[in-house]
Amino acid sequence: MHLTDARDFVDRIGIHGYPKNILINKEGVVHQILDGIHQQLDKEGTVVAGDGQEIIREIVNMLDV
C-alpha cells in the first residue's frame, strides 16, 4: 500500500524517514514498523540493498507459521 496525503497519520505514528514497511496483523493492529530498505555489506564491503529476507522473517514471526 502506498499512502498519499497521509501527513496526519505519519505524524501520529512518529515516522520521520521513508520508506517504511508497516506490518499489520490479522486483527488490523500495527505489529511493527520497519525501515523500508534494509542495507547490508557485499563481499567487497560495499553497502548494498538487502535481499528482503529480514522482512520475510518478520512476517513469518508475526503470522506464527
PDB file of N, CA and C in Angstrom:
ATOM      1  N   MET A   1       0.841  -1.141   0.000  1.00  0.00           N
ATOM      2  CA  MET A   1       0.000   0.000   0.000  1.00  0.00           C
ATOM      3  C   MET A   1       0.905   1.227   0.000  1.00  0.00           C
ATOM      4  N   HIS A   2       0.558   2.198  -0.754  1.00  0.00           N
ATOM      5  CA  HIS A   2       1.275   3.459  -0.799  1.00  0.00           C
ATOM      6  C   HIS A   2       0.354   4.534  -0.242  1.00  0.00           C
ATOM      7  N   LEU A   3       0.811   5.199   0.809  1.00  0.00           N
ATOM      8  CA  LEU A   3      -0.019   6.235   1.427  1.00  0.00           C
ATOM      9  C   LEU A   3       0.301   7.587   0.799  1.00  0.00           C
ATOM     10  N   THR A   4      -0.718   8.284   0.393  1.00  0.00           N
ATOM     11  CA  THR A   4      -0.548   9.644  -0.101  1.00  0.00           C
ATOM     12  C   THR A   4      -1.387  10.570   0.762  1.00  0.00           C
ATOM     13  N   ASP A   5      -0.974  11.809   0.858  1.00  0.00           N
ATOM     14  CA  ASP A   5      -1.686  12.785   1.699  1.00  0.00           C
ATOM     15  C   ASP A   5      -1.940  12.227   3.090  1.00  0.00           C
ATOM     16  N   ALA A   6      -0.909  11.630   3.679  1.00  0.00           N
ATOM     17  CA  ALA A   6      -1.070  10.957   4.964  1.00  0.00           C
ATOM     18  C   ALA A   6      -0.266  11.634   6.068  1.00  0.00           C
ATOM     19  N   ARG A   7      -0.030  12.925   5.956  1.00  0.00           N
ATOM     20  CA  ARG A   7       0.798  13.643   6.935  1.00  0.00           C
ATOM     21  C   ARG A   7       0.293  13.433   8.357  1.00  0.00           C
ATOM     22  N   ASP A   8      -1.001  13.545   8.603  1.00  0.00           N
ATOM     23  CA  ASP A   8      -1.537  13.352   9.957  1.00  0.00           C
ATOM     24  C   ASP A   8      -1.207  11.957  10.483  1.00  0.00           C
ATOM     25  N   PHE A   9      -1.357  10.941   9.633  1.00  0.00           N
ATOM     26  CA  PHE A   9      -1.085   9.563  10.033  1.00  0.00           C
ATOM     27  C   PHE A   9       0.381   9.372  10.372  1.00  0.00           C
ATOM     28  N   VAL A  10       1.286   9.808   9.498  1.00  0.00           N
ATOM     29  CA  VAL A  10       2.716   9.592   9.751  1.00  0.00           C
ATOM     30  C   VAL A  10       3.190  10.407  10.949  1.00  0.00           C
ATOM     31  N   ASP A  11       2.615  11.572  11.168  1.00  0.00           N
ATOM     32  CA  ASP A  11       2.961  12.341  12.364  1.00  0.00           C
ATOM     33  C   ASP A  11       2.500  11.622  13.630  1.00  0.00           C
ATOM     34  N   ARG A  12       1.334  11.031  13.574  1.00  0.00           N
ATOM     35  CA  ARG A  12       0.762  10.350  14.735  1.00  0.00           C
ATOM     36  C   ARG A  12       1.582   9.115  15.121  1.00  0.00           C
ATOM     37  N   ILE A  13       2.099   8.374  14.136  1.00  0.00           N
ATOM     38  CA  ILE A  13       2.868   7.169  14.464  1.00  0.00           C
ATOM     39  C   ILE A  13       4.367   7.437  14.533  1.00  0.00           C
ATOM     40  N   GLY A  14       4.772   8.672  14.290  1.00  0.00           N
ATOM     41  CA  GLY A  14       6.154   9.060  14.509  1.00  0.00           C
ATOM     42  C   GLY A  14       7.137   8.662  13.431  1.00  0.00           C
ATOM     43  N   ILE A  15       6.695   8.574  12.194  1.00  0.00           N
ATOM     44  CA  ILE A  15       7.602   8.239  11.097  1.00  0.00           C
ATOM     45  C   ILE A  15       8.347   9.495  10.671  1.00  0.00           C
ATOM     46  N   HIS A  16       9.677   9.391  10.610  1.00  0.00           N
ATOM     47  CA  HIS A  16      10.481  10.535  10.196  1.00  0.00           C
ATOM     48  C   HIS A  16      11.290  10.251   8.938  1.00  0.00           C
ATOM     49  N   GLY A  17      11.450   8.999   8.566  1.00  0.00           N
ATOM     50  CA  GLY A  17      12.200   8.643   7.369  1.00  0.00           C
ATOM     51  C   GLY A  17      11.389   7.713   6.499  1.00  0.00           C
ATOM     52  N   TYR A  18      11.685   7.711   5.243  1.00  0.00           N
ATOM     53  CA  TYR A  18      10.961   6.871   4.289  1.00  0.00           C
ATOM     54  C   TYR A  18      11.951   6.033   3.529  1.00  0.00           C
ATOM     55  N   PRO A  19      11.596   4.937   2.946  1.00  0.00           N
ATOM     56  CA  PRO A  19      10.295   4.271   3.059  1.00  0.00           C
ATOM     57  C   PRO A  19      10.216   3.454   4.341  1.00  0.00           C
ATOM     58  N   LYS A  20       9.033   3.039   4.684  1.00  0.00           N
ATOM     59  CA  LYS A  20       8.770   2.193   5.848  1.00  0.00           C
ATOM     60  C   LYS A  20       7.895   1.026   5.420  1.00  0.00           C
ATOM     61  N   ASN A  21       8.058  -0.093   6.095  1.00  0.00           N
ATOM     62  CA  ASN A  21       7.165  -1.238   5.943  1.00  0.00           C
ATOM     63  C   ASN A  21       6.366  -1.318   7.233  1.00  0.00           C
ATOM     64  N   ILE A  22       5.057  -1.240   7.125  1.00  0.00           N
ATOM     65  CA  ILE A  22       4.189  -1.310   8.287  1.00  0.00           C
ATOM     66  C   ILE A  22       3.509  -2.672   8.268  1.00  0.00           C
ATOM     67  N   LEU A  23       3.852  -3.506   9.251  1.00  0.00           N
ATOM     68  CA  LEU A  23       3.275  -4.848   9.331  1.00  0.00           C
ATOM     69  C   LEU A  23       2.009  -4.776  10.166  1.00  0.00           C
ATOM     70  N   ILE A  24       0.902  -5.195   9.571  1.00  0.00           N
ATOM     71  CA  ILE A  24      -0.402  -5.148  10.219  1.00  0.00           C
ATOM     72  C   ILE A  24      -0.889  -6.583  10.388  1.00  0.00           C
ATOM     73  N   ASN A  25      -1.256  -6.950  11.612  1.00  0.00           N
ATOM     74  CA  ASN A  25      -1.673  -8.331  11.848  1.00  0.00           C
ATOM     75  C   ASN A  25      -3.087  -8.590  11.354  1.00  0.00           C
ATOM     76  N   LYS A  26      -3.540  -9.819  11.532  1.00  0.00           N
ATOM     77  CA  LYS A  26      -4.856 -10.223  11.019  1.00  0.00           C
ATOM     78  C   LYS A  26      -6.003  -9.428  11.632  1.00  0.00           C
ATOM     79  N   GLU A  27      -5.786  -8.908  12.833  1.00  0.00           N
ATOM     80  CA  GLU A  27      -6.827  -8.129  13.505  1.00  0.00           C
ATOM     81  C   GLU A  27      -6.805  -6.662  13.096  1.00  0.00           C
ATOM     82  N   GLY A  28      -5.861  -6.295  12.230  1.00  0.00           N
ATOM     83  CA  GLY A  28      -5.767  -4.917  11.772  1.00  0.00           C
ATOM     84  C   GLY A  28      -4.956  -4.016  12.680  1.00  0.00           C
ATOM     85  N   VAL A  29      -4.205  -4.605  13.596  1.00  0.00           N
ATOM     86  CA  VAL A  29      -3.376  -3.851  14.529  1.00  0.00           C
ATOM     87  C   VAL A  29      -1.947  -3.768  13.982  1.00  0.00           C
ATOM     88  N   VAL A  30      -1.354  -2.574  14.078  1.00  0.00           N
ATOM     89  CA  VAL A  30       0.029  -2.423  13.629  1.00  0.00           C
ATOM     90  C   VAL A  30       0.921  -3.263  14.536  1.00  0.00           C
ATOM     91  N   HIS A  31       1.622  -4.210  13.933  1.00  0.00           N
ATOM     92  CA  HIS A  31       2.501  -5.122  14.665  1.00  0.00           C
ATOM     93  C   HIS A  31       3.900  -4.537  14.796  1.00  0.00           C
ATOM     94  N   GLN A  32       4.393  -3.969  13.714  1.00  0.00           N
ATOM     95  CA  GLN A  32       5.749  -3.446  13.717  1.00  0.00           C
ATOM     96  C   GLN A  32       5.929  -2.484  12.544  1.00  0.00           C
ATOM     97  N   ILE A  33       6.803  -1.507  12.724  1.00  0.00           N
ATOM     98  CA  ILE A  33       7.166  -0.591  11.648  1.00  0.00           C
ATOM     99  C   ILE A  33       8.659  -0.749  11.415  1.00  0.00           C
ATOM    100  N   LEU A  34       9.018  -1.102  10.190  1.00  0.00           N
ATOM    101  CA  LEU A  34      10.416  -1.359   9.843  1.00  0.00           C
ATOM    102  C   LEU A  34      10.882  -0.383   8.783  1.00  0.00           C
ATOM    103  N   ASP A  35      12.179  -0.090   8.820  1.00  0.00           N
ATOM    104  CA  ASP A  35      12.741   0.694   7.729  1.00  0.00           C
ATOM    105  C   ASP A  35      12.533  -0.059   6.430  1.00  0.00           C
ATOM    106  N   GLY A  36      12.209   0.676   5.379  1.00  0.00           N
ATOM    107  CA  GLY A  36      11.803   0.064   4.118  1.00  0.00           C
ATOM    108  C   GLY A  36      12.881  -0.667   3.353  1.00  0.00           C
ATOM    109  N   ILE A  37      14.104  -0.190   3.417  1.00  0.00           N
ATOM    110  CA  ILE A  37      15.166  -0.822   2.633  1.00  0.00           C
ATOM    111  C   ILE A  37      16.297  -1.198   3.570  1.00  0.00           C
ATOM    112  N   HIS A  38      16.399  -2.479   3.858  1.00  0.00           N
ATOM    113  CA  HIS A  38      17.478  -2.985   4.697  1.00  0.00           C
ATOM    114  C   HIS A  38      18.764  -2.955   3.889  1.00  0.00           C
ATOM    115  N   GLN A  39      19.831  -2.495   4.491  1.00  0.00           N
ATOM    116  CA  GLN A  39      21.108  -2.466   3.795  1.00  0.00           C
ATOM    117  C   GLN A  39      22.059  -3.462   4.427  1.00  0.00           C
ATOM    118  N   GLN A  40      22.955  -3.969   3.605  1.00  0.00           N
ATOM    119  CA  GLN A  40      23.952  -4.918   4.081  1.00  0.00           C
ATOM    120  C   GLN A  40      25.236  -4.712   3.290  1.00  0.00           C
ATOM    121  N   LEU A  41      26.287  -5.368   3.727  1.00  0.00           N
ATOM    122  CA  LEU A  41      27.567  -5.279   3.026  1.00  0.00           C
ATOM    123  C   LEU A  41      27.721  -6.461   2.092  1.00  0.00           C
ATOM    124  N   ASP A  42      28.219  -6.192   0.871  1.00  0.00           N
ATOM    125  CA  ASP A  42      28.510  -7.294  -0.038  1.00  0.00           C
ATOM    126  C   ASP A  42      29.911  -7.830   0.262  1.00  0.00           C
ATOM    127  N   LYS A  43      30.383  -8.774  -0.526  1.00  0.00           N
ATOM    128  CA  LYS A  43      31.683  -9.421  -0.288  1.00  0.00           C
ATOM    129  C   LYS A  43      32.844  -8.444  -0.332  1.00  0.00           C
ATOM    130  N   GLU A  44      32.691  -7.345  -1.069  1.00  0.00           N
ATOM    131  CA  GLU A  44      33.749  -6.346  -1.174  1.00  0.00           C
ATOM    132  C   GLU A  44      33.637  -5.263  -0.102  1.00  0.00           C
ATOM    133  N   GLY A  45      32.612  -5.336   0.738  1.00  0.00           N
ATOM    134  CA  GLY A  45      32.429  -4.349   1.790  1.00  0.00           C
ATOM    135  C   GLY A  45      31.630  -3.133   1.368  1.00  0.00           C
ATOM    136  N   THR A  46      30.994  -3.206   0.202  1.00  0.00           N
ATOM    137  CA  THR A  46      30.169  -2.108  -0.293  1.00  0.00           C
ATOM    138  C   THR A  46      28.755  -2.242   0.263  1.00  0.00           C
ATOM    139  N   VAL A  47      28.170  -1.129   0.687  1.00  0.00           N
ATOM    140  CA  VAL A  47      26.794  -1.147   1.184  1.00  0.00           C
ATOM    141  C   VAL A  47      25.849  -1.318  -0.001  1.00  0.00           C
ATOM    142  N   VAL A  48      24.999  -2.334   0.077  1.00  0.00           N
ATOM    143  CA  VAL A  48      24.025  -2.629  -0.980  1.00  0.00           C
ATOM    144  C   VAL A  48      22.658  -2.877  -0.345  1.00  0.00           C
ATOM    145  N   ALA A  49      21.630  -2.806  -1.159  1.00  0.00           N
ATOM    146  CA  ALA A  49      20.271  -3.107  -0.689  1.00  0.00           C
ATOM    147  C   ALA A  49      20.192  -4.568  -0.280  1.00  0.00           C
ATOM    148  N   GLY A  50      19.451  -4.838   0.787  1.00  0.00           N
ATOM    149  CA  GLY A  50      19.278  -6.202   1.269  1.00  0.00           C
ATOM    150  C   GLY A  50      18.456  -7.045   0.308  1.00  0.00           C
ATOM    151  N   ASP A  51      18.393  -8.330   0.609  1.00  0.00           N
ATOM    152  CA  ASP A  51      17.694  -9.270  -0.263  1.00  0.00           C
ATOM    153  C   ASP A  51      16.235  -9.471   0.121  1.00  0.00           C
ATOM    154  N   GLY A  52      15.770  -8.794   1.171  1.00  0.00           N
ATOM    155  CA  GLY A  52      14.376  -8.907   1.576  1.00  0.00           C
ATOM    156  C   GLY A  52      14.101  -9.986   2.600  1.00  0.00           C
ATOM    157  N   GLN A  53      15.101 -10.767   2.950  1.00  0.00           N
ATOM    158  CA  GLN A  53      14.882 -11.870   3.889  1.00  0.00           C
ATOM    159  C   GLN A  53      14.504 -11.389   5.280  1.00  0.00           C
ATOM    160  N   GLU A  54      14.987 -10.203   5.686  1.00  0.00           N
ATOM    161  CA  GLU A  54      14.668  -9.713   7.023  1.00  0.00           C
ATOM    162  C   GLU A  54      13.174  -9.414   7.165  1.00  0.00           C
ATOM    163  N   ILE A  55      12.553  -8.892   6.126  1.00  0.00           N
ATOM    164  CA  ILE A  55      11.115  -8.602   6.192  1.00  0.00           C
ATOM    165  C   ILE A  55      10.307  -9.901   6.144  1.00  0.00           C
ATOM    166  N   ILE A  56      10.798 -10.865   5.387  1.00  0.00           N
ATOM    167  CA  ILE A  56      10.130 -12.172   5.337  1.00  0.00           C
ATOM    168  C   ILE A  56      10.153 -12.822   6.712  1.00  0.00           C
ATOM    169  N   ARG A  57      11.295 -12.766   7.403  1.00  0.00           N
ATOM    170  CA  ARG A  57      11.390 -13.340   8.755  1.00  0.00           C
ATOM    171  C   ARG A  57      10.396 -12.662   9.700  1.00  0.00           C
ATOM    172  N   GLU A  58      10.275 -11.347   9.617  1.00  0.00           N
ATOM    173  CA  GLU A  58       9.351 -10.633  10.495  1.00  0.00           C
ATOM    174  C   GLU A  58       7.898 -11.007  10.214  1.00  0.00           C
ATOM    175  N   ILE A  59       7.570 -11.161   8.939  1.00  0.00           N
ATOM    176  CA  ILE A  59       6.198 -11.552   8.582  1.00  0.00           C
ATOM    177  C   ILE A  59       5.900 -12.948   9.074  1.00  0.00           C
ATOM    178  N   VAL A  60       6.837 -13.871   8.894  1.00  0.00           N
ATOM    179  CA  VAL A  60       6.638 -15.255   9.363  1.00  0.00           C
ATOM    180  C   VAL A  60       6.471 -15.256  10.880  1.00  0.00           C
ATOM    181  N   ASN A  61       7.310 -14.482  11.584  1.00  0.00           N
ATOM    182  CA  ASN A  61       7.176 -14.405  13.042  1.00  0.00           C
ATOM    183  C   ASN A  61       5.832 -13.844  13.455  1.00  0.00           C
ATOM    184  N   MET A  62       5.383 -12.823  12.749  1.00  0.00           N
ATOM    185  CA  MET A  62       4.116 -12.190  13.068  1.00  0.00           C
ATOM    186  C   MET A  62       2.953 -13.156  12.849  1.00  0.00           C
ATOM    187  N   LEU A  63       3.014 -13.944  11.782  1.00  0.00           N
ATOM    188  CA  LEU A  63       1.942 -14.884  11.458  1.00  0.00           C
ATOM    189  C   LEU A  63       2.039 -16.159  12.268  1.00  0.00           C
ATOM    190  N   ASP A  64       3.195 -16.341  12.932  1.00  0.00           N
ATOM    191  CA  ASP A  64       3.433 -17.521  13.772  1.00  0.00           C
ATOM    192  C   ASP A  64       3.260 -18.812  12.984  1.00  0.00           C
ATOM    193  N   VAL A  65       3.891 -18.855  11.788  1.00  0.00           N
ATOM    194  CA  VAL A  65       3.823 -20.067  10.955  1.00  0.00           C
ATOM    195  C   VAL A  65       5.119 -20.839  11.033  1.00  0.00           C
TER     196      VAL A  65
END
